[in-house]
Amino acid sequence: MKNGFLCMIMAILTMNCQQEPCQMGDNNYSISLIRKFIPESTYKESNCIVFKNREGEILKFKLSFDEFKIADLDGNSFNKEVYTLRDPNNTNYHLSITAQPELHEKIIYERLYVELLTTINQGLTPSIIIYQDGESWFNTKEKNLDLLGKTFHDVYISEITKEDVVACNKLYYTHNEGIVGFTDDKGALWVFHDIK
Protein backbone atom coordinates (compact mmCIF):
# COMPACT_ATOMS: atom_id res chain seq x y z
CA MET A 1 0.00 0.00 0.00
CA LYS A 2 2.86 2.39 0.82
CA ASN A 3 4.43 1.73 -2.61
CA GLY A 4 1.12 2.56 -4.32
CA PHE A 5 0.76 5.72 -2.25
CA LEU A 6 4.31 6.81 -3.14
CA CYS A 7 3.62 6.19 -6.85
CA MET A 8 0.48 8.33 -6.58
CA ILE A 9 2.42 11.19 -4.92
CA MET A 10 5.14 11.01 -7.59
CA ALA A 11 2.49 11.13 -10.36
CA ILE A 12 0.90 14.23 -8.80
CA LEU A 13 4.29 15.94 -8.42
CA THR A 14 5.15 15.10 -12.02
CA MET A 15 1.84 16.53 -13.26
CA ASN A 16 2.42 19.73 -11.26
CA CYS A 17 5.92 20.18 -12.69
CA GLN A 18 4.58 19.66 -16.22
CA GLN A 19 1.94 22.33 -15.67
CA GLU A 20 4.22 24.90 -14.03
CA PRO A 21 7.92 24.23 -14.64
CA CYS A 22 10.23 25.43 -11.88
CA GLN A 23 12.37 28.15 -13.48
CA MET A 24 14.91 29.03 -10.82
CA GLY A 25 18.10 28.37 -12.79
CA ASP A 26 21.80 28.50 -11.89
CA ASN A 27 21.34 27.78 -8.18
CA ASN A 28 23.51 25.33 -6.26
CA TYR A 29 21.71 23.56 -3.41
CA SER A 30 23.62 21.71 -0.72
CA ILE A 31 22.74 19.74 2.35
CA SER A 32 22.63 21.58 5.67
CA LEU A 33 19.51 20.95 7.76
CA ILE A 34 19.41 17.16 7.34
CA ARG A 35 22.99 16.70 8.59
CA LYS A 36 21.82 16.57 12.21
CA PHE A 37 20.20 13.19 11.45
CA ILE A 38 23.46 11.60 10.22
CA PRO A 39 26.23 10.47 12.59
CA GLU A 40 28.49 12.24 10.11
CA SER A 41 31.73 12.61 12.07
CA THR A 42 31.60 8.98 13.15
CA TYR A 43 30.84 7.70 9.67
CA LYS A 44 33.45 9.86 7.92
CA GLU A 45 36.20 8.81 10.36
CA SER A 46 35.42 5.08 10.01
CA ASN A 47 35.87 2.50 7.33
CA CYS A 48 34.13 -0.43 9.02
CA ILE A 49 30.78 -0.82 10.82
CA VAL A 50 30.44 -3.97 12.94
CA PHE A 51 27.11 -5.74 13.49
CA LYS A 52 26.38 -8.74 15.73
CA ASN A 53 23.62 -11.38 15.52
CA ARG A 54 21.79 -13.39 18.21
CA GLU A 55 24.51 -16.07 18.23
CA GLY A 56 27.25 -13.46 18.79
CA GLU A 57 28.66 -13.76 15.27
CA ILE A 58 30.29 -10.63 13.86
CA LEU A 59 29.62 -9.08 10.47
CA LYS A 60 31.93 -6.30 9.24
CA PHE A 61 30.60 -3.86 6.67
CA LYS A 62 32.94 -1.72 4.61
CA LEU A 63 31.86 1.91 4.71
CA SER A 64 32.32 4.24 1.76
CA PHE A 65 31.34 7.87 1.19
CA ASP A 66 30.58 9.56 -2.15
CA GLU A 67 29.48 13.06 -3.14
CA PHE A 68 27.62 13.80 -6.36
CA LYS A 69 26.41 16.92 -8.08
CA ILE A 70 23.14 16.47 -9.96
CA ALA A 71 21.70 19.06 -12.36
CA ASP A 72 18.08 19.53 -13.37
CA LEU A 73 16.72 20.82 -16.67
CA ASP A 74 16.44 24.38 -15.31
CA GLY A 75 20.16 24.70 -14.56
CA ASN A 76 19.92 24.11 -10.81
CA SER A 77 22.46 21.77 -9.23
CA PHE A 78 22.03 19.66 -6.12
CA ASN A 79 24.75 18.18 -3.91
CA LYS A 80 23.98 14.58 -2.95
CA GLU A 81 25.92 12.60 -0.32
CA VAL A 82 25.81 8.81 -0.07
CA TYR A 83 27.15 6.51 2.63
CA THR A 84 27.23 2.87 1.54
CA LEU A 85 27.76 -0.14 3.82
CA ARG A 86 28.69 -3.40 2.07
CA ASP A 87 29.45 -6.88 3.30
CA PRO A 88 32.41 -7.86 1.09
CA ASN A 89 31.33 -11.53 1.27
CA ASN A 90 27.68 -11.03 0.22
CA THR A 91 26.39 -9.22 -2.86
CA ASN A 92 22.68 -9.98 -2.24
CA TYR A 93 22.17 -6.72 -0.32
CA HIS A 94 23.81 -3.54 0.95
CA LEU A 95 22.84 -0.61 3.16
CA SER A 96 22.66 2.96 1.95
CA ILE A 97 22.17 6.40 3.54
CA THR A 98 21.54 9.21 1.05
CA ALA A 99 21.17 12.90 1.94
CA GLN A 100 19.95 15.27 -0.72
CA PRO A 101 18.02 18.49 -1.27
CA GLU A 102 15.01 18.42 -3.60
CA LEU A 103 13.24 21.30 -5.31
CA HIS A 104 9.44 21.27 -5.38
CA GLU A 105 7.33 24.28 -6.35
CA LYS A 106 10.34 26.61 -5.90
CA ILE A 107 10.91 25.40 -2.33
CA ILE A 108 13.94 23.35 -1.29
CA TYR A 109 13.37 20.35 0.96
CA GLU A 110 16.10 18.16 2.42
CA ARG A 111 15.55 14.46 2.86
CA LEU A 112 17.49 11.52 4.20
CA TYR A 113 16.88 8.14 2.58
CA VAL A 114 18.01 5.04 4.50
CA GLU A 115 17.63 1.82 2.53
CA LEU A 116 18.33 -1.90 2.65
CA LEU A 117 18.85 -2.50 -1.07
CA THR A 118 18.54 -6.11 -2.15
CA THR A 119 18.28 -8.39 -5.16
CA ILE A 120 15.57 -10.47 -3.47
CA ASN A 121 11.91 -9.68 -2.53
CA GLN A 122 10.78 -8.75 -6.06
CA GLY A 123 12.08 -5.19 -5.68
CA LEU A 124 10.56 -4.56 -2.23
CA THR A 125 13.09 -2.89 0.06
CA PRO A 126 12.69 -1.51 3.54
CA SER A 127 13.42 2.21 3.44
CA ILE A 128 13.24 5.11 5.84
CA ILE A 129 12.64 8.68 4.71
CA ILE A 130 13.47 11.42 7.23
CA TYR A 131 12.56 15.02 6.45
CA GLN A 132 14.53 18.09 7.55
CA ASP A 133 12.25 18.56 10.57
CA GLY A 134 12.94 15.00 11.78
CA GLU A 135 9.52 13.67 10.81
CA SER A 136 8.98 10.50 8.83
CA TRP A 137 5.54 10.25 7.27
CA PHE A 138 5.96 6.68 6.04
CA ASN A 139 7.80 5.02 8.94
CA THR A 140 7.18 4.37 12.60
CA LYS A 141 9.41 5.78 15.32
CA GLU A 142 9.97 4.25 18.75
CA LYS A 143 11.26 6.29 21.70
CA ASN A 144 13.15 3.24 23.07
CA LEU A 145 13.68 -0.03 21.22
CA ASP A 146 15.46 -3.17 22.39
CA LEU A 147 17.29 -5.09 19.65
CA LEU A 148 18.95 -8.30 20.89
CA GLY A 149 19.39 -6.88 24.40
CA LYS A 150 20.75 -3.50 23.28
CA THR A 151 18.54 -0.43 23.78
CA PHE A 152 18.44 2.35 21.19
CA HIS A 153 16.59 5.66 21.44
CA ASP A 154 14.45 7.51 18.87
CA VAL A 155 14.53 4.64 16.38
CA TYR A 156 13.01 4.96 12.91
CA ILE A 157 11.65 1.60 11.72
CA SER A 158 10.84 0.21 8.29
CA GLU A 159 9.36 -3.26 7.94
CA ILE A 160 7.94 -5.08 4.95
CA THR A 161 4.99 -7.05 6.30
CA LYS A 162 4.09 -9.14 3.27
CA GLU A 163 3.71 -12.79 4.26
CA ASP A 164 6.12 -14.12 1.61
CA VAL A 165 8.89 -11.60 2.47
CA VAL A 166 10.88 -12.98 5.41
CA ALA A 167 14.43 -11.82 4.60
CA CYS A 168 15.91 -8.34 4.09
CA ASN A 169 12.61 -7.01 5.42
CA LYS A 170 13.49 -4.91 8.49
CA LEU A 171 15.61 -1.79 8.92
CA TYR A 172 16.30 0.35 12.02
CA TYR A 173 17.97 3.79 12.13
CA THR A 174 18.83 6.46 14.71
CA HIS A 175 20.43 9.84 14.07
CA ASN A 176 23.03 9.16 16.80
CA GLU A 177 24.31 5.74 15.69
CA GLY A 178 23.06 5.52 12.10
CA ILE A 179 21.86 2.10 10.97
CA VAL A 180 21.36 0.11 14.19
CA GLY A 181 19.75 -3.05 12.84
CA PHE A 182 18.53 -4.96 9.79
CA THR A 183 17.59 -8.46 8.69
CA ASP A 184 19.90 -10.14 6.18
CA ASP A 185 19.13 -12.30 3.14
CA LYS A 186 18.54 -15.32 5.41
CA GLY A 187 16.19 -13.46 7.78
CA ALA A 188 18.71 -13.11 10.65
CA LEU A 189 18.65 -9.89 12.67
CA TRP A 190 21.97 -8.01 12.87
CA VAL A 191 22.41 -5.22 15.42
CA PHE A 192 24.96 -2.39 15.51
CA HIS A 193 27.92 -3.32 17.72
CA ASP A 194 30.93 -1.10 17.00
CA ILE A 195 32.69 1.26 14.58
CA LYS A 196 36.29 0.67 13.52
C-alpha atoms as a PDB file:
ATOM      1  CA  MET A   1       0.000   0.000   0.000  1.00  0.00           C
ATOM      2  CA  LYS A   2       2.864   2.390   0.823  1.00  0.00           C
ATOM      3  CA  ASN A   3       4.428   1.732  -2.605  1.00  0.00           C
ATOM      4  CA  GLY A   4       1.118   2.561  -4.320  1.00  0.00           C
ATOM      5  CA  PHE A   5       0.758   5.718  -2.251  1.00  0.00           C
ATOM      6  CA  LEU A   6       4.306   6.807  -3.141  1.00  0.00           C
ATOM      7  CA  CYS A   7       3.616   6.194  -6.849  1.00  0.00           C
ATOM      8  CA  MET A   8       0.477   8.335  -6.583  1.00  0.00           C
ATOM      9  CA  ILE A   9       2.416  11.188  -4.922  1.00  0.00           C
ATOM     10  CA  MET A  10       5.139  11.011  -7.592  1.00  0.00           C
ATOM     11  CA  ALA A  11       2.491  11.134 -10.359  1.00  0.00           C
ATOM     12  CA  ILE A  12       0.897  14.232  -8.798  1.00  0.00           C
ATOM     13  CA  LEU A  13       4.287  15.938  -8.416  1.00  0.00           C
ATOM     14  CA  THR A  14       5.150  15.101 -12.022  1.00  0.00           C
ATOM     15  CA  MET A  15       1.842  16.531 -13.265  1.00  0.00           C
ATOM     16  CA  ASN A  16       2.421  19.728 -11.264  1.00  0.00           C
ATOM     17  CA  CYS A  17       5.917  20.181 -12.686  1.00  0.00           C
ATOM     18  CA  GLN A  18       4.584  19.656 -16.219  1.00  0.00           C
ATOM     19  CA  GLN A  19       1.937  22.330 -15.675  1.00  0.00           C
ATOM     20  CA  GLU A  20       4.223  24.905 -14.027  1.00  0.00           C
ATOM     21  CA  PRO A  21       7.923  24.226 -14.643  1.00  0.00           C
ATOM     22  CA  CYS A  22      10.230  25.430 -11.878  1.00  0.00           C
ATOM     23  CA  GLN A  23      12.371  28.153 -13.484  1.00  0.00           C
ATOM     24  CA  MET A  24      14.908  29.031 -10.823  1.00  0.00           C
ATOM     25  CA  GLY A  25      18.103  28.374 -12.790  1.00  0.00           C
ATOM     26  CA  ASP A  26      21.800  28.498 -11.888  1.00  0.00           C
ATOM     27  CA  ASN A  27      21.339  27.779  -8.178  1.00  0.00           C
ATOM     28  CA  ASN A  28      23.507  25.333  -6.257  1.00  0.00           C
ATOM     29  CA  TYR A  29      21.706  23.560  -3.414  1.00  0.00           C
ATOM     30  CA  SER A  30      23.625  21.710  -0.723  1.00  0.00           C
ATOM     31  CA  ILE A  31      22.742  19.738   2.350  1.00  0.00           C
ATOM     32  CA  SER A  32      22.634  21.577   5.666  1.00  0.00           C
ATOM     33  CA  LEU A  33      19.509  20.951   7.758  1.00  0.00           C
ATOM     34  CA  ILE A  34      19.406  17.163   7.342  1.00  0.00           C
ATOM     35  CA  ARG A  35      22.994  16.698   8.591  1.00  0.00           C
ATOM     36  CA  LYS A  36      21.823  16.575  12.213  1.00  0.00           C
ATOM     37  CA  PHE A  37      20.200  13.191  11.446  1.00  0.00           C
ATOM     38  CA  ILE A  38      23.455  11.602  10.223  1.00  0.00           C
ATOM     39  CA  PRO A  39      26.233  10.470  12.590  1.00  0.00           C
ATOM     40  CA  GLU A  40      28.492  12.245  10.114  1.00  0.00           C
ATOM     41  CA  SER A  41      31.732  12.610  12.072  1.00  0.00           C
ATOM     42  CA  THR A  42      31.605   8.983  13.150  1.00  0.00           C
ATOM     43  CA  TYR A  43      30.843   7.704   9.665  1.00  0.00           C
ATOM     44  CA  LYS A  44      33.453   9.861   7.918  1.00  0.00           C
ATOM     45  CA  GLU A  45      36.198   8.806  10.358  1.00  0.00           C
ATOM     46  CA  SER A  46      35.416   5.085  10.014  1.00  0.00           C
ATOM     47  CA  ASN A  47      35.866   2.497   7.334  1.00  0.00           C
ATOM     48  CA  CYS A  48      34.133  -0.426   9.023  1.00  0.00           C
ATOM     49  CA  ILE A  49      30.780  -0.816  10.823  1.00  0.00           C
ATOM     50  CA  VAL A  50      30.438  -3.967  12.945  1.00  0.00           C
ATOM     51  CA  PHE A  51      27.107  -5.739  13.494  1.00  0.00           C
ATOM     52  CA  LYS A  52      26.382  -8.740  15.734  1.00  0.00           C
ATOM     53  CA  ASN A  53      23.618 -11.378  15.523  1.00  0.00           C
ATOM     54  CA  ARG A  54      21.788 -13.390  18.213  1.00  0.00           C
ATOM     55  CA  GLU A  55      24.513 -16.067  18.230  1.00  0.00           C
ATOM     56  CA  GLY A  56      27.249 -13.464  18.787  1.00  0.00           C
ATOM     57  CA  GLU A  57      28.658 -13.765  15.274  1.00  0.00           C
ATOM     58  CA  ILE A  58      30.289 -10.630  13.860  1.00  0.00           C
ATOM     59  CA  LEU A  59      29.623  -9.080  10.466  1.00  0.00           C
ATOM     60  CA  LYS A  60      31.931  -6.297   9.243  1.00  0.00           C
ATOM     61  CA  PHE A  61      30.602  -3.862   6.669  1.00  0.00           C
ATOM     62  CA  LYS A  62      32.942  -1.717   4.614  1.00  0.00           C
ATOM     63  CA  LEU A  63      31.858   1.912   4.708  1.00  0.00           C
ATOM     64  CA  SER A  64      32.321   4.244   1.759  1.00  0.00           C
ATOM     65  CA  PHE A  65      31.338   7.867   1.187  1.00  0.00           C
ATOM     66  CA  ASP A  66      30.585   9.563  -2.148  1.00  0.00           C
ATOM     67  CA  GLU A  67      29.476  13.056  -3.138  1.00  0.00           C
ATOM     68  CA  PHE A  68      27.622  13.797  -6.360  1.00  0.00           C
ATOM     69  CA  LYS A  69      26.412  16.921  -8.082  1.00  0.00           C
ATOM     70  CA  ILE A  70      23.138  16.468  -9.959  1.00  0.00           C
ATOM     71  CA  ALA A  71      21.704  19.059 -12.360  1.00  0.00           C
ATOM     72  CA  ASP A  72      18.080  19.530 -13.366  1.00  0.00           C
ATOM     73  CA  LEU A  73      16.720  20.824 -16.668  1.00  0.00           C
ATOM     74  CA  ASP A  74      16.442  24.378 -15.314  1.00  0.00           C
ATOM     75  CA  GLY A  75      20.157  24.697 -14.562  1.00  0.00           C
ATOM     76  CA  ASN A  76      19.925  24.106 -10.812  1.00  0.00           C
ATOM     77  CA  SER A  77      22.460  21.774  -9.226  1.00  0.00           C
ATOM     78  CA  PHE A  78      22.032  19.657  -6.123  1.00  0.00           C
ATOM     79  CA  ASN A  79      24.747  18.177  -3.911  1.00  0.00           C
ATOM     80  CA  LYS A  80      23.983  14.578  -2.951  1.00  0.00           C
ATOM     81  CA  GLU A  81      25.916  12.603  -0.322  1.00  0.00           C
ATOM     82  CA  VAL A  82      25.809   8.814  -0.070  1.00  0.00           C
ATOM     83  CA  TYR A  83      27.152   6.508   2.631  1.00  0.00           C
ATOM     84  CA  THR A  84      27.234   2.866   1.535  1.00  0.00           C
ATOM     85  CA  LEU A  85      27.759  -0.141   3.822  1.00  0.00           C
ATOM     86  CA  ARG A  86      28.686  -3.397   2.074  1.00  0.00           C
ATOM     87  CA  ASP A  87      29.451  -6.881   3.298  1.00  0.00           C
ATOM     88  CA  PRO A  88      32.412  -7.857   1.085  1.00  0.00           C
ATOM     89  CA  ASN A  89      31.328 -11.527   1.266  1.00  0.00           C
ATOM     90  CA  ASN A  90      27.685 -11.033   0.219  1.00  0.00           C
ATOM     91  CA  THR A  91      26.387  -9.221  -2.861  1.00  0.00           C
ATOM     92  CA  ASN A  92      22.679  -9.977  -2.245  1.00  0.00           C
ATOM     93  CA  TYR A  93      22.167  -6.720  -0.324  1.00  0.00           C
ATOM     94  CA  HIS A  94      23.813  -3.536   0.946  1.00  0.00           C
ATOM     95  CA  LEU A  95      22.842  -0.609   3.164  1.00  0.00           C
ATOM     96  CA  SER A  96      22.664   2.964   1.952  1.00  0.00           C
ATOM     97  CA  ILE A  97      22.171   6.396   3.537  1.00  0.00           C
ATOM     98  CA  THR A  98      21.541   9.212   1.046  1.00  0.00           C
ATOM     99  CA  ALA A  99      21.174  12.896   1.937  1.00  0.00           C
ATOM    100  CA  GLN A 100      19.947  15.272  -0.722  1.00  0.00           C
ATOM    101  CA  PRO A 101      18.025  18.494  -1.267  1.00  0.00           C
ATOM    102  CA  GLU A 102      15.015  18.421  -3.598  1.00  0.00           C
ATOM    103  CA  LEU A 103      13.244  21.296  -5.310  1.00  0.00           C
ATOM    104  CA  HIS A 104       9.444  21.273  -5.382  1.00  0.00           C
ATOM    105  CA  GLU A 105       7.332  24.280  -6.348  1.00  0.00           C
ATOM    106  CA  LYS A 106      10.341  26.607  -5.904  1.00  0.00           C
ATOM    107  CA  ILE A 107      10.909  25.403  -2.334  1.00  0.00           C
ATOM    108  CA  ILE A 108      13.936  23.354  -1.288  1.00  0.00           C
ATOM    109  CA  TYR A 109      13.373  20.353   0.959  1.00  0.00           C
ATOM    110  CA  GLU A 110      16.100  18.163   2.420  1.00  0.00           C
ATOM    111  CA  ARG A 111      15.546  14.458   2.855  1.00  0.00           C
ATOM    112  CA  LEU A 112      17.489  11.520   4.205  1.00  0.00           C
ATOM    113  CA  TYR A 113      16.879   8.142   2.585  1.00  0.00           C
ATOM    114  CA  VAL A 114      18.009   5.044   4.503  1.00  0.00           C
ATOM    115  CA  GLU A 115      17.630   1.824   2.531  1.00  0.00           C
ATOM    116  CA  LEU A 116      18.331  -1.898   2.650  1.00  0.00           C
ATOM    117  CA  LEU A 117      18.847  -2.500  -1.067  1.00  0.00           C
ATOM    118  CA  THR A 118      18.540  -6.109  -2.154  1.00  0.00           C
ATOM    119  CA  THR A 119      18.280  -8.392  -5.164  1.00  0.00           C
ATOM    120  CA  ILE A 120      15.570 -10.472  -3.474  1.00  0.00           C
ATOM    121  CA  ASN A 121      11.910  -9.681  -2.533  1.00  0.00           C
ATOM    122  CA  GLN A 122      10.780  -8.750  -6.061  1.00  0.00           C
ATOM    123  CA  GLY A 123      12.077  -5.194  -5.675  1.00  0.00           C
ATOM    124  CA  LEU A 124      10.564  -4.556  -2.226  1.00  0.00           C
ATOM    125  CA  THR A 125      13.087  -2.892   0.057  1.00  0.00           C
ATOM    126  CA  PRO A 126      12.692  -1.507   3.544  1.00  0.00           C
ATOM    127  CA  SER A 127      13.422   2.206   3.441  1.00  0.00           C
ATOM    128  CA  ILE A 128      13.238   5.108   5.836  1.00  0.00           C
ATOM    129  CA  ILE A 129      12.641   8.684   4.713  1.00  0.00           C
ATOM    130  CA  ILE A 130      13.467  11.421   7.232  1.00  0.00           C
ATOM    131  CA  TYR A 131      12.558  15.023   6.453  1.00  0.00           C
ATOM    132  CA  GLN A 132      14.534  18.087   7.553  1.00  0.00           C
ATOM    133  CA  ASP A 133      12.245  18.557  10.573  1.00  0.00           C
ATOM    134  CA  GLY A 134      12.936  14.998  11.776  1.00  0.00           C
ATOM    135  CA  GLU A 135       9.518  13.673  10.807  1.00  0.00           C
ATOM    136  CA  SER A 136       8.982  10.498   8.830  1.00  0.00           C
ATOM    137  CA  TRP A 137       5.536  10.246   7.269  1.00  0.00           C
ATOM    138  CA  PHE A 138       5.960   6.678   6.044  1.00  0.00           C
ATOM    139  CA  ASN A 139       7.798   5.022   8.939  1.00  0.00           C
ATOM    140  CA  THR A 140       7.179   4.368  12.604  1.00  0.00           C
ATOM    141  CA  LYS A 141       9.410   5.783  15.317  1.00  0.00           C
ATOM    142  CA  GLU A 142       9.967   4.251  18.746  1.00  0.00           C
ATOM    143  CA  LYS A 143      11.256   6.290  21.700  1.00  0.00           C
ATOM    144  CA  ASN A 144      13.149   3.242  23.065  1.00  0.00           C
ATOM    145  CA  LEU A 145      13.685  -0.030  21.221  1.00  0.00           C
ATOM    146  CA  ASP A 146      15.458  -3.171  22.389  1.00  0.00           C
ATOM    147  CA  LEU A 147      17.289  -5.090  19.651  1.00  0.00           C
ATOM    148  CA  LEU A 148      18.946  -8.299  20.890  1.00  0.00           C
ATOM    149  CA  GLY A 149      19.391  -6.880  24.396  1.00  0.00           C
ATOM    150  CA  LYS A 150      20.750  -3.505  23.283  1.00  0.00           C
ATOM    151  CA  THR A 151      18.541  -0.430  23.777  1.00  0.00           C
ATOM    152  CA  PHE A 152      18.444   2.346  21.186  1.00  0.00           C
ATOM    153  CA  HIS A 153      16.594   5.662  21.444  1.00  0.00           C
ATOM    154  CA  ASP A 154      14.449   7.508  18.873  1.00  0.00           C
ATOM    155  CA  VAL A 155      14.530   4.640  16.375  1.00  0.00           C
ATOM    156  CA  TYR A 156      13.010   4.958  12.906  1.00  0.00           C
ATOM    157  CA  ILE A 157      11.649   1.600  11.718  1.00  0.00           C
ATOM    158  CA  SER A 158      10.837   0.210   8.288  1.00  0.00           C
ATOM    159  CA  GLU A 159       9.361  -3.257   7.943  1.00  0.00           C
ATOM    160  CA  ILE A 160       7.943  -5.083   4.948  1.00  0.00           C
ATOM    161  CA  THR A 161       4.993  -7.054   6.304  1.00  0.00           C
ATOM    162  CA  LYS A 162       4.089  -9.142   3.273  1.00  0.00           C
ATOM    163  CA  GLU A 163       3.709 -12.793   4.260  1.00  0.00           C
ATOM    164  CA  ASP A 164       6.122 -14.119   1.614  1.00  0.00           C
ATOM    165  CA  VAL A 165       8.886 -11.601   2.470  1.00  0.00           C
ATOM    166  CA  VAL A 166      10.880 -12.977   5.409  1.00  0.00           C
ATOM    167  CA  ALA A 167      14.425 -11.820   4.602  1.00  0.00           C
ATOM    168  CA  CYS A 168      15.907  -8.342   4.087  1.00  0.00           C
ATOM    169  CA  ASN A 169      12.607  -7.009   5.416  1.00  0.00           C
ATOM    170  CA  LYS A 170      13.493  -4.907   8.495  1.00  0.00           C
ATOM    171  CA  LEU A 171      15.611  -1.788   8.924  1.00  0.00           C
ATOM    172  CA  TYR A 172      16.295   0.350  12.022  1.00  0.00           C
ATOM    173  CA  TYR A 173      17.969   3.786  12.130  1.00  0.00           C
ATOM    174  CA  THR A 174      18.834   6.461  14.706  1.00  0.00           C
ATOM    175  CA  HIS A 175      20.434   9.836  14.071  1.00  0.00           C
ATOM    176  CA  ASN A 176      23.034   9.158  16.804  1.00  0.00           C
ATOM    177  CA  GLU A 177      24.308   5.737  15.693  1.00  0.00           C
ATOM    178  CA  GLY A 178      23.059   5.521  12.097  1.00  0.00           C
ATOM    179  CA  ILE A 179      21.858   2.102  10.970  1.00  0.00           C
ATOM    180  CA  VAL A 180      21.364   0.105  14.187  1.00  0.00           C
ATOM    181  CA  GLY A 181      19.753  -3.048  12.836  1.00  0.00           C
ATOM    182  CA  PHE A 182      18.530  -4.963   9.794  1.00  0.00           C
ATOM    183  CA  THR A 183      17.591  -8.458   8.687  1.00  0.00           C
ATOM    184  CA  ASP A 184      19.896 -10.139   6.181  1.00  0.00           C
ATOM    185  CA  ASP A 185      19.134 -12.296   3.137  1.00  0.00           C
ATOM    186  CA  LYS A 186      18.538 -15.322   5.412  1.00  0.00           C
ATOM    187  CA  GLY A 187      16.193 -13.457   7.782  1.00  0.00           C
ATOM    188  CA  ALA A 188      18.707 -13.115  10.646  1.00  0.00           C
ATOM    189  CA  LEU A 189      18.647  -9.888  12.666  1.00  0.00           C
ATOM    190  CA  TRP A 190      21.973  -8.007  12.870  1.00  0.00           C
ATOM    191  CA  VAL A 191      22.414  -5.216  15.420  1.00  0.00           C
ATOM    192  CA  PHE A 192      24.957  -2.387  15.510  1.00  0.00           C
ATOM    193  CA  HIS A 193      27.922  -3.324  17.717  1.00  0.00           C
ATOM    194  CA  ASP A 194      30.935  -1.099  17.000  1.00  0.00           C
ATOM    195  CA  ILE A 195      32.688   1.257  14.581  1.00  0.00           C
ATOM    196  CA  LYS A 196      36.292   0.666  13.524  1.00  0.00           C
END
